Amino acid sequence: MFEQTFKNIDDILHKDAGCTSELDYTEQSSWLLFLKYLDALENDKAMEAALEGKPYHRIIDAAYRWEAWAAPKTADGSFDHHTALTGDDLRDFVNTKLFPYLAGFKQRASGPNTIEYKIGEVFGEITNKIQSGYNLRDVIERVDELRFGSQTEKHELSHLYEAKIKNMGNAGRNGGEYYTPRPLIRAMIKVLDPQIGERIYDGACGSAGFLCEAFDHLLPQATKADDLKTLQTRTFYGKEKKSLAYVIAIMNMILHGIEAPNVVHTNTLGENINDIQERDRFDVILANPPFGGKERKEVQQNFPIKTGETAFLFLQHFIKSLKAGGRAAIVIKNTFLSNTDNASTSLRKLLLESCNLHTVLDCPGGTFQGAGVKTVVLFFEKGSPTHGVWYYQLNPGRNLGKTNPLNDDDLADFIAQQKAFADSAQSWSVDMDDIDAATFDLSVKNPNGGDEVAMRTPQEILDEIAALDAESAEVLATIRGLV
């Protein structure tokens, strides 16, 4: 129903000089979708209040409402082309009046968990990149066709938005940071099996894929009105450092049905982990923290195990942020299991001694598009030491790639076997007594001979070289900035 509308929006943005990539298309669609959604939400709330004979005070002032500047209507409900702003008038209104007004909500909001605060955060973080007011007018008219009325409509919009995020993840320019394959996320959630009433956290939430999938997992369990309120307001928590990802996370959660997402725009690693109190801890942590990033010395001071590797700092943060008995599933580079540097060894020791690392899922190359690295998923529970680790080597029986991505069926056997920690050709257990007490090496070594490495295609090797080149360029740019 809405697929063609989304395609038309991208076609218009593609023609605009200010939008140069899939990342820009998603960002610019996001702020317009957000305002259209907000208008539908306010209309619903006003109607509910009227039915109950109560007054409703709208969040947005009259001049800045969707029907005033974006989509004015005539008496018969059709689009009013005579009063609608267009061209330079429209672009100037958006840039000099609308965005500053909306950004001001952050200062005027009563607190960070309000929809007002989220409005202020979103419009304080992004800018309108659509340079032509005529293109902007065309995009607005397409967005105005979208409806958020029924659950079916919201469901379709959330699927289309997920597809946009996936395309953005495949678009390069570090796009992969925004996208974790949804089948992998769903498998991680099924193993942890969160329940209503538990608090779920992702401190590197990107586009909020983990939180949205966890919401979809829990929604069928919500049988009472109070359950829905719990899911809406005190279940899902995220932090995200990058502006674009933050905006997309908010929009993605809203489209999935979470009206005022508890996502904070902040550098999670800027917080000293010694300041994390019991009230700050969570029952369930799901995350795919960025790896390979290099954190500055002052950020490293926030952690007992000093390292420039972003993912290793995040792992310390996650262990500290779990409640006793809390459960986590974290994606990390497979080199974490065997690296011999002091930070890696100390971190493995910390993990094995303070948590029960019960499962390691070894993911095949190509799981993450264009990432050029192999990953594992660590499943652990805080509060008791590790006695043994169950390994599962995922082998979909084919080369994974853009046209042949990971799917839910690929992970069905893992989920089934994991319940009983069963041994098979792909799975085996290692006793803690067999883990080297000096190095805490956790390398994946399939005793069934399953670790034969399939020959990689030339394209996969080229993708890895490109990813490593991009990483090197980023490091060099950082060094140049310091010189």
Protein backbone atom coordinates (compact mmCIF):
# COMPACT_ATOMS: atom_id res chain seq x y z
CA MET A 1 0.00 0.00 0.00
CA PHE A 2 2.71 2.53 1.03
CA GLU A 3 5.65 0.97 -0.82
CA GLN A 4 5.20 3.10 -3.94
CA THR A 5 4.97 6.25 -1.79
CA PHE A 6 8.34 5.45 -0.17
CA LYS A 7 9.86 4.81 -3.61
CA ASN A 8 8.48 8.13 -4.92
CA ILE A 9 9.97 10.00 -1.95
CA ASP A 10 13.41 8.48 -2.61
CA ASP A 11 13.14 9.33 -6.33
CA ILE A 12 12.48 13.01 -5.48
CA LEU A 13 15.32 13.15 -2.92
CA HIS A 14 17.66 11.53 -5.45
CA LYS A 15 17.16 14.58 -7.69
CA ASP A 16 17.95 17.07 -4.91
CA ALA A 17 21.48 18.51 -4.71
CA GLY A 18 21.48 18.36 -0.90
CA CYS A 19 20.85 14.60 -0.64
CA THR A 20 23.70 12.45 -1.84
CA SER A 21 23.18 8.96 -0.39
CA GLU A 22 20.80 6.42 1.12
CA LEU A 23 21.77 7.80 4.55
CA ASP A 24 20.51 11.27 3.56
CA TYR A 25 17.28 9.84 2.10
CA THR A 26 16.54 8.02 5.35
CA GLU A 27 17.39 11.03 7.51
CA GLN A 28 15.26 13.46 5.50
CA SER A 29 12.32 11.05 5.23
CA SER A 30 12.61 10.54 9.01
CA TRP A 31 11.99 14.09 10.15
CA LEU A 32 9.02 14.48 7.81
CA LEU A 33 7.57 11.11 8.88
CA PHE A 34 8.08 12.15 12.50
CA LEU A 35 6.04 15.35 12.04
CA LYS A 36 3.30 13.55 10.11
CA TYR A 37 3.15 10.92 12.88
CA LEU A 38 3.04 13.63 15.55
CA ASP A 39 0.10 15.27 13.79
CA ALA A 40 -1.80 11.93 13.66
CA LEU A 41 -1.01 11.29 17.35
CA GLU A 42 -2.26 14.74 18.38
CA ASN A 43 -5.46 14.30 16.34
CA ASP A 44 -6.10 10.92 18.00
CA LYS A 45 -5.54 12.36 21.48
CA ALA A 46 -7.78 15.35 20.76
CA MET A 47 -10.55 12.99 19.56
CA GLU A 48 -10.19 10.76 22.65
CA ALA A 49 -10.37 13.82 24.92
CA ALA A 50 -13.47 15.13 23.08
CA LEU A 51 -15.24 11.77 23.51
CA GLU A 52 -14.50 11.92 27.25
CA GLY A 53 -15.62 15.56 27.42
CA LYS A 54 -12.15 16.70 28.46
CA PRO A 55 -10.03 19.52 27.00
CA TYR A 56 -6.87 18.61 25.08
CA HIS A 57 -3.90 20.99 24.87
CA ARG A 58 -1.94 20.36 21.71
CA ILE A 59 1.85 20.17 21.91
CA ILE A 60 2.47 22.05 18.64
CA ASP A 61 1.30 25.67 18.22
CA ALA A 62 -1.17 26.32 15.39
CA ALA A 63 1.29 27.95 12.95
CA TYR A 64 3.66 24.94 13.11
CA ARG A 65 1.11 22.13 12.81
CA TRP A 66 1.23 19.84 9.79
CA GLU A 67 -2.08 21.14 8.39
CA ALA A 68 -0.88 24.76 8.62
CA TRP A 69 2.44 24.66 6.75
CA ALA A 70 2.80 21.21 5.18
CA ALA A 71 -0.62 20.09 4.03
CA PRO A 72 -3.36 22.73 4.29
CA LYS A 73 -6.76 21.40 3.24
CA THR A 74 -9.85 23.00 1.71
CA ALA A 75 -13.33 22.66 3.27
CA ASP A 76 -13.92 19.42 1.33
CA GLY A 77 -10.68 17.89 2.65
CA SER A 78 -8.65 18.12 -0.57
CA PHE A 79 -5.16 19.61 -0.71
CA ASP A 80 -5.22 23.44 -0.82
CA HIS A 81 -2.62 24.44 -3.41
CA HIS A 82 -3.48 28.14 -3.04
CA THR A 83 -2.36 28.46 0.59
CA ALA A 84 0.40 25.81 0.64
CA LEU A 85 3.92 27.22 0.84
CA THR A 86 6.32 26.13 -1.88
CA GLY A 87 9.70 26.98 -3.43
CA ASP A 88 12.01 29.31 -1.46
CA ASP A 89 9.15 30.35 0.86
CA LEU A 90 8.68 26.78 2.03
CA ARG A 91 12.40 26.04 2.38
CA ASP A 92 13.01 29.29 4.31
CA PHE A 93 10.04 28.67 6.63
CA VAL A 94 11.35 25.16 7.43
CA ASN A 95 14.96 26.27 7.97
CA THR A 96 14.47 29.56 9.81
CA LYS A 97 11.19 29.09 11.67
CA LEU A 98 10.03 25.47 11.95
CA PHE A 99 13.33 23.82 12.95
CA PRO A 100 14.31 26.48 15.56
CA TYR A 101 10.77 26.33 17.04
CA LEU A 102 10.84 22.52 17.31
CA ALA A 103 14.43 22.43 18.62
CA GLY A 104 13.30 24.78 21.42
CA PHE A 105 11.10 22.04 22.89
CA LYS A 106 14.15 20.51 24.57
CA GLN A 107 14.44 23.54 26.88
CA ARG A 108 10.67 23.79 27.41
CA ALA A 109 10.00 20.10 28.18
CA SER A 110 9.25 18.96 31.73
CA GLY A 111 11.72 16.06 31.52
CA PRO A 112 13.74 13.81 29.19
CA ASN A 113 11.14 11.01 29.00
CA THR A 114 8.49 13.22 27.41
CA ILE A 115 7.52 13.39 23.75
CA GLU A 116 8.26 17.16 23.92
CA TYR A 117 11.87 16.47 24.87
CA LYS A 118 12.23 13.94 22.03
CA ILE A 119 10.91 16.56 19.56
CA GLY A 120 13.51 19.04 20.79
CA GLU A 121 16.30 16.43 20.62
CA VAL A 122 15.43 15.30 17.09
CA PHE A 123 15.21 18.82 15.64
CA GLY A 124 18.27 20.02 17.53
CA GLU A 125 20.30 17.23 15.94
CA ILE A 126 19.41 17.28 12.27
CA THR A 127 19.01 19.89 9.57
CA ASN A 128 16.84 20.06 6.50
CA LYS A 129 19.14 19.02 3.64
CA ILE A 130 16.52 19.32 0.90
CA GLN A 131 17.79 22.39 -0.97
CA SER A 132 14.97 22.85 -3.45
CA GLY A 133 11.71 24.09 -1.94
CA TYR A 134 9.90 22.52 -4.91
CA ASN A 135 11.40 19.10 -4.17
CA LEU A 136 10.49 19.60 -0.51
CA ARG A 137 6.89 20.39 -1.49
CA ASP A 138 6.74 17.20 -3.62
CA VAL A 139 8.12 15.06 -0.77
CA ILE A 140 5.65 16.56 1.73
CA GLU A 141 2.71 15.73 -0.55
CA ARG A 142 3.92 12.10 -0.74
CA VAL A 143 4.39 11.91 3.06
CA ASP A 144 0.89 13.35 3.53
CA GLU A 145 -0.51 10.27 1.74
CA LEU A 146 0.75 8.04 4.57
CA ARG A 147 -1.67 7.07 7.35
CA PHE A 148 -0.85 6.04 10.90
CA GLY A 149 -4.44 5.22 11.88
CA SER A 150 -4.60 1.44 12.23
CA GLN A 151 -2.14 -1.13 13.59
CA THR A 152 -1.98 -2.62 10.07
CA GLU A 153 -0.87 0.73 8.63
CA LYS A 154 1.73 1.24 11.37
CA HIS A 155 2.95 -2.33 10.85
CA GLU A 156 3.42 -1.77 7.11
CA LEU A 157 5.18 1.55 7.70
CA SER A 158 7.54 -0.03 10.23
CA HIS A 159 8.43 -2.78 7.71
CA LEU A 160 9.13 -0.23 4.98
CA TYR A 161 11.21 1.86 7.38
CA GLU A 162 13.20 -1.23 8.39
CA ALA A 163 13.87 -1.84 4.68
CA LYS A 164 15.20 1.75 4.40
CA ILE A 165 17.51 1.15 7.38
CA LYS A 166 18.73 -2.08 5.80
CA ASN A 167 19.49 -0.28 2.51
CA MET A 168 21.26 2.43 4.47
CA GLY A 169 23.29 -0.26 6.25
CA ASN A 170 24.39 -1.57 2.85
CA ALA A 171 25.17 1.90 1.49
CA GLY A 172 28.71 2.19 2.84
CA ARG A 173 29.92 5.32 4.67
CA ASN A 174 29.89 3.29 7.90
CA GLY A 175 26.26 2.38 7.17
CA GLY A 176 26.87 -1.12 8.57
CA GLU A 177 26.96 0.43 12.03
CA TYR A 178 23.24 1.02 11.72
CA TYR A 179 22.14 -2.46 10.80
CA THR A 180 22.35 -5.83 12.55
CA PRO A 181 20.65 -8.64 10.57
CA ARG A 182 17.17 -9.05 12.05
CA PRO A 183 17.23 -12.89 12.02
CA LEU A 184 20.33 -12.77 14.26
CA ILE A 185 18.63 -10.28 16.61
CA ARG A 186 15.51 -12.46 16.81
CA ALA A 187 17.60 -15.54 17.65
CA MET A 188 19.41 -13.63 20.43
CA ILE A 189 16.05 -12.49 21.86
CA LYS A 190 14.58 -16.02 21.72
CA VAL A 191 17.51 -17.38 23.73
CA LEU A 192 17.25 -14.66 26.41
CA ASP A 193 13.41 -14.77 26.35
CA PRO A 194 12.66 -11.41 28.04
CA GLN A 195 9.42 -11.13 30.06
CA ILE A 196 7.04 -8.22 30.67
CA GLY A 197 8.26 -6.26 33.67
CA GLU A 198 11.95 -6.75 32.84
CA ARG A 199 13.98 -3.72 31.76
CA ILE A 200 15.80 -4.16 28.45
CA TYR A 201 18.83 -2.08 27.45
CA ASP A 202 21.06 -1.42 24.46
CA GLY A 203 23.84 1.10 25.15
CA ALA A 204 24.89 1.27 21.48
CA CYS A 205 21.43 1.11 19.99
CA GLY A 206 22.05 2.39 16.43
CA SER A 207 18.69 2.24 14.66
CA ALA A 208 17.13 0.48 17.72
CA GLY A 209 16.75 -2.86 15.94
CA PHE A 210 17.25 -4.84 19.18
CA LEU A 211 14.71 -2.77 21.11
CA CYS A 212 12.10 -2.90 18.31
CA GLU A 213 12.46 -6.67 17.88
CA ALA A 214 12.25 -7.14 21.67
CA PHE A 215 9.03 -5.09 21.64
CA ASP A 216 7.60 -7.33 18.88
CA HIS A 217 8.60 -10.39 20.95
CA LEU A 218 6.88 -9.09 24.10
CA LEU A 219 3.73 -7.58 22.56
CA PRO A 220 1.80 -10.90 22.28
CA GLN A 221 2.36 -11.37 26.06
CA ALA A 222 0.66 -8.02 26.83
CA THR A 223 -2.82 -9.20 27.81
CA LYS A 224 -3.75 -6.35 30.20
CA ALA A 225 -3.82 -2.56 29.72
CA ASP A 226 -1.17 -2.30 32.45
CA ASP A 227 1.13 -4.62 30.44
CA LEU A 228 0.92 -2.26 27.46
CA LYS A 229 1.71 0.74 29.68
CA THR A 230 4.72 -1.15 31.06
CA LEU A 231 5.96 -1.86 27.50
CA GLN A 232 5.35 1.73 26.41
CA THR A 233 7.04 3.51 29.31
CA ARG A 234 9.39 1.37 31.42
CA THR A 235 10.76 -1.55 29.44
CA PHE A 236 13.04 -0.35 26.61
CA TYR A 237 16.11 1.81 27.22
CA GLY A 238 18.80 2.85 24.75
CA LYS A 239 21.74 5.19 24.33
CA GLU A 240 23.20 6.35 21.03
CA LYS A 241 26.11 8.68 20.30
CA LYS A 242 25.57 9.53 16.60
CA SER A 243 22.91 12.07 15.65
CA LEU A 244 21.59 10.33 12.55
CA ALA A 245 21.31 6.93 14.26
CA TYR A 246 19.61 8.59 17.26
CA VAL A 247 16.93 10.19 15.06
CA ILE A 248 16.36 6.94 13.17
CA ALA A 249 16.12 4.98 16.45
CA ILE A 250 13.40 7.32 17.74
CA MET A 251 11.43 7.07 14.48
CA ASN A 252 11.86 3.28 14.26
CA MET A 253 10.57 2.77 17.82
CA ILE A 254 7.63 5.13 17.24
CA LEU A 255 6.64 3.22 14.08
CA HIS A 256 6.81 -0.03 16.03
CA GLY A 257 4.36 1.43 18.55
CA ILE A 258 6.49 2.93 21.35
CA GLU A 259 5.22 6.52 21.61
CA ALA A 260 7.94 8.19 23.74
CA PRO A 261 11.08 6.03 23.44
CA ASN A 262 13.54 6.05 26.36
CA VAL A 263 16.51 6.62 24.05
CA VAL A 264 19.13 9.11 25.19
CA HIS A 265 21.50 10.91 22.82
CA THR A 266 24.84 10.52 24.60
CA ASN A 267 28.24 8.83 24.42
CA THR A 268 27.66 5.80 26.65
CA LEU A 269 31.41 5.37 27.15
CA GLY A 270 31.71 8.92 28.54
CA GLU A 271 30.15 7.64 31.76
CA ASN A 272 32.46 6.29 34.49
CA ILE A 273 31.34 2.72 35.13
CA ASN A 274 32.04 3.14 38.85
CA ASP A 275 29.10 5.59 38.92
CA ILE A 276 26.62 2.90 37.81
CA GLN A 277 24.29 2.22 40.77
CA GLU A 278 21.80 -0.61 41.36
CA ARG A 279 18.92 1.58 40.12
CA ASP A 280 20.78 2.02 36.80
CA ARG A 281 20.99 -1.72 36.12
CA PHE A 282 18.96 -3.85 33.72
CA ASP A 283 17.49 -7.36 33.53
CA VAL A 284 18.31 -7.92 29.86
CA ILE A 285 21.03 -6.38 27.66
CA LEU A 286 21.08 -6.90 23.88
CA ALA A 287 23.71 -5.13 21.79
CA ASN A 288 26.04 -5.06 18.83
CA PRO A 289 28.52 -2.38 19.94
CA PRO A 290 30.72 -0.74 17.30
CA PHE A 291 34.08 -2.48 17.00
CA GLY A 292 37.39 -1.20 15.74
CA GLY A 293 36.75 2.35 16.93
CA LYS A 294 39.51 4.00 18.89
CA GLU A 295 38.46 5.77 22.08
CA ARG A 296 40.45 8.69 23.47
CA LYS A 297 42.58 8.38 26.63
CA GLU A 298 40.12 10.38 28.77
CA VAL A 299 37.29 7.99 27.83
CA GLN A 300 39.49 4.98 28.68
CA GLN A 301 39.93 6.43 32.19
CA ASN A 302 36.27 5.55 32.85
CA PHE A 303 37.13 1.83 32.79
CA PRO A 304 39.27 -0.47 34.95
CA ILE A 305 40.57 -2.34 31.88
CA LYS A 306 42.16 0.32 29.65
CA THR A 307 41.89 -0.23 25.89
CA GLY A 308 41.25 1.82 22.77
CA GLU A 309 38.96 -0.91 21.34
CA THR A 310 35.42 0.47 21.60
CA ALA A 311 33.75 -2.95 21.81
CA PHE A 312 35.90 -3.97 24.80
CA LEU A 313 34.92 -0.81 26.69
CA PHE A 314 31.26 -1.50 25.88
CA LEU A 315 31.57 -5.07 27.18
CA GLN A 316 32.85 -3.74 30.53
CA HIS A 317 29.94 -1.25 30.59
CA PHE A 318 27.42 -4.03 29.87
CA ILE A 319 28.76 -6.37 32.56
CA LYS A 320 28.56 -3.52 35.10
CA SER A 321 25.07 -2.51 33.88
CA LEU A 322 23.53 -5.99 34.38
CA LYS A 323 21.59 -6.78 37.53
CA ALA A 324 22.60 -9.91 39.46
CA GLY A 325 20.85 -12.70 37.56
CA GLY A 326 20.55 -10.43 34.51
CA ARG A 327 21.04 -11.87 31.02
CA ALA A 328 22.97 -10.51 28.06
CA ALA A 329 23.65 -11.33 24.41
CA ILE A 330 26.45 -9.26 22.85
CA VAL A 331 27.90 -9.37 19.32
CA ILE A 332 31.69 -9.00 19.30
CA LYS A 333 34.62 -9.65 16.91
CA ASN A 334 35.76 -13.28 17.11
CA THR A 335 39.35 -12.12 17.79
CA PHE A 336 38.14 -11.19 21.30
CA LEU A 337 38.15 -14.93 22.12
CA SER A 338 41.87 -15.41 21.45
CA ASN A 339 43.76 -12.07 21.41
CA THR A 340 46.77 -12.27 23.77
CA ASP A 341 47.12 -8.56 24.67
CA ASN A 342 46.60 -7.64 28.33
CA ALA A 343 43.20 -5.96 27.79
CA SER A 344 41.70 -8.99 25.97
CA THR A 345 43.04 -11.47 28.54
CA SER A 346 41.87 -9.33 31.50
CA LEU A 347 38.44 -8.85 29.95
CA ARG A 348 37.96 -12.60 29.32
CA LYS A 349 38.99 -13.25 32.94
CA LEU A 350 36.47 -10.64 34.19
CA LEU A 351 33.70 -12.13 32.05
CA LEU A 352 34.36 -15.75 33.09
CA GLU A 353 34.73 -14.95 36.80
CA SER A 354 31.79 -12.54 37.24
CA CYS A 355 29.36 -14.08 34.74
CA ASN A 356 28.26 -17.45 33.48
CA LEU A 357 29.27 -17.37 29.81
CA HIS A 358 27.04 -20.30 28.86
CA THR A 359 26.86 -19.93 25.05
CA VAL A 360 29.08 -18.72 22.22
CA LEU A 361 27.49 -18.52 18.77
CA ASP A 362 30.13 -18.48 16.03
CA CYS A 363 28.75 -16.54 13.04
CA PRO A 364 29.96 -17.21 9.49
CA GLY A 365 31.75 -14.60 7.37
CA GLY A 366 29.26 -12.42 5.48
CA THR A 367 26.76 -12.28 8.37
CA PHE A 368 27.37 -8.52 8.44
CA GLN A 369 27.29 -7.00 4.96
CA GLY A 370 30.58 -5.31 4.01
CA ALA A 371 31.97 -5.49 7.57
CA GLY A 372 34.89 -7.70 6.57
CA VAL A 373 35.15 -9.24 10.05
CA LYS A 374 33.99 -12.48 11.64
CA THR A 375 31.83 -12.17 14.74
CA VAL A 376 30.59 -14.25 17.65
CA VAL A 377 27.65 -13.69 19.99
CA LEU A 378 28.36 -14.02 23.72
CA PHE A 379 25.41 -15.14 25.86
CA PHE A 380 25.97 -14.73 29.60
CA GLU A 381 24.25 -14.36 32.95
CA LYS A 382 25.67 -12.20 35.72
CA GLY A 383 26.25 -13.33 39.27
CA SER A 384 27.91 -16.74 39.10
CA PRO A 385 31.18 -17.80 37.45
CA THR A 386 31.41 -19.84 34.25
CA HIS A 387 31.64 -23.64 34.70
CA GLY A 388 31.46 -24.54 31.04
CA VAL A 389 30.81 -22.95 27.64
CA TRP A 390 28.56 -24.38 24.93
CA TYR A 391 29.66 -23.47 21.39
CA TYR A 392 27.58 -23.49 18.24
CA GLN A 393 29.19 -23.01 14.83
CA LEU A 394 26.58 -21.55 12.50
CA ASN A 395 26.90 -22.99 9.02
CA PRO A 396 24.07 -22.04 6.64
CA GLY A 397 25.60 -24.24 3.92
CA ARG A 398 26.09 -21.35 1.51
CA ASN A 399 28.08 -18.14 1.12
CA LEU A 400 26.25 -15.23 2.71
CA GLY A 401 26.08 -11.96 0.81
CA LYS A 402 23.90 -9.02 -0.15
CA THR A 403 21.63 -11.13 -2.34
CA ASN A 404 21.77 -14.15 -0.03
CA PRO A 405 21.57 -12.83 3.55
CA LEU A 406 21.10 -14.70 6.83
CA ASN A 407 17.48 -15.80 7.39
CA ASP A 408 15.44 -17.10 10.34
CA ASP A 409 15.62 -20.72 9.13
CA ASP A 410 19.43 -20.56 9.30
CA LEU A 411 19.18 -20.02 13.08
CA ALA A 412 16.33 -22.44 13.90
CA ASP A 413 18.69 -25.35 14.72
CA PHE A 414 20.84 -23.14 16.97
CA ILE A 415 17.78 -22.02 18.98
CA ALA A 416 16.50 -25.62 19.31
CA GLN A 417 19.87 -27.11 20.33
CA GLN A 418 20.75 -24.27 22.71
CA LYS A 419 17.85 -25.03 25.06
CA ALA A 420 19.51 -28.32 26.09
CA PHE A 421 23.12 -27.34 25.25
CA ALA A 422 23.06 -30.40 22.98
CA ASP A 423 26.13 -31.77 21.21
CA SER A 424 25.99 -32.14 17.43
CA ALA A 425 28.22 -31.78 14.38
CA GLN A 426 27.91 -28.00 14.84
CA SER A 427 27.91 -27.82 18.65
CA TRP A 428 30.06 -28.91 21.58
CA SER A 429 30.83 -28.05 25.20
CA VAL A 430 34.09 -26.99 26.84
CA ASP A 431 34.57 -27.44 30.59
CA MET A 432 36.08 -24.55 32.54
CA ASP A 433 38.87 -26.90 33.67
CA ASP A 434 39.94 -27.20 30.02
CA ILE A 435 40.24 -23.42 29.56
CA ASP A 436 43.80 -22.12 30.04
CA ALA A 437 43.93 -20.37 33.44
CA ALA A 438 46.69 -18.00 32.23
CA THR A 439 45.30 -16.78 28.89
CA PHE A 440 41.57 -17.64 29.27
CA ASP A 441 41.63 -18.48 25.56
CA LEU A 442 38.07 -19.14 24.34
CA SER A 443 38.82 -19.84 20.66
CA VAL A 444 36.25 -21.71 18.60
CA LYS A 445 37.76 -25.17 17.99
CA ASN A 446 35.15 -27.60 16.75
CA PRO A 447 36.22 -31.10 17.93
CA ASN A 448 34.01 -32.57 15.18
CA GLY A 449 36.21 -31.06 12.49
CA GLY A 450 33.54 -28.52 11.60
CA ASP A 451 35.97 -25.62 11.53
CA GLU A 452 37.13 -26.28 7.99
CA VAL A 453 37.10 -22.83 6.44
CA ALA A 454 35.16 -22.58 3.19
CA MET A 455 37.14 -20.92 0.40
CA ARG A 456 36.03 -17.33 0.15
CA THR A 457 34.92 -15.81 -3.13
CA PRO A 458 37.03 -13.05 -4.72
CA GLN A 459 34.16 -10.63 -4.01
CA GLU A 460 34.25 -11.44 -0.27
CA ILE A 461 38.02 -10.89 -0.18
CA LEU A 462 37.63 -7.56 -2.05
CA ASP A 463 34.87 -6.51 0.40
CA GLU A 464 37.19 -7.24 3.32
CA ILE A 465 40.05 -5.27 1.72
CA ALA A 466 37.66 -2.31 1.15
CA ALA A 467 36.45 -2.48 4.78
CA LEU A 468 40.03 -2.60 6.09
CA ASP A 469 41.00 0.31 3.80
CA ALA A 470 38.10 2.37 5.18
CA GLU A 471 39.17 1.53 8.75
CA SER A 472 42.79 2.53 7.97
CA ALA A 473 41.63 5.81 6.40
CA GLU A 474 39.60 6.59 9.53
CA VAL A 475 42.62 5.91 11.80
CA LEU A 476 44.88 8.07 9.57
CA ALA A 477 42.33 10.90 9.59
CA THR A 478 42.26 10.75 13.41
CA ILE A 479 46.09 10.82 13.58
CA ARG A 480 46.22 13.77 11.15
CA GLY A 481 43.71 15.60 13.33
CA LEU A 482 46.00 15.15 16.33
CA VAL A 483 49.19 16.29 14.58
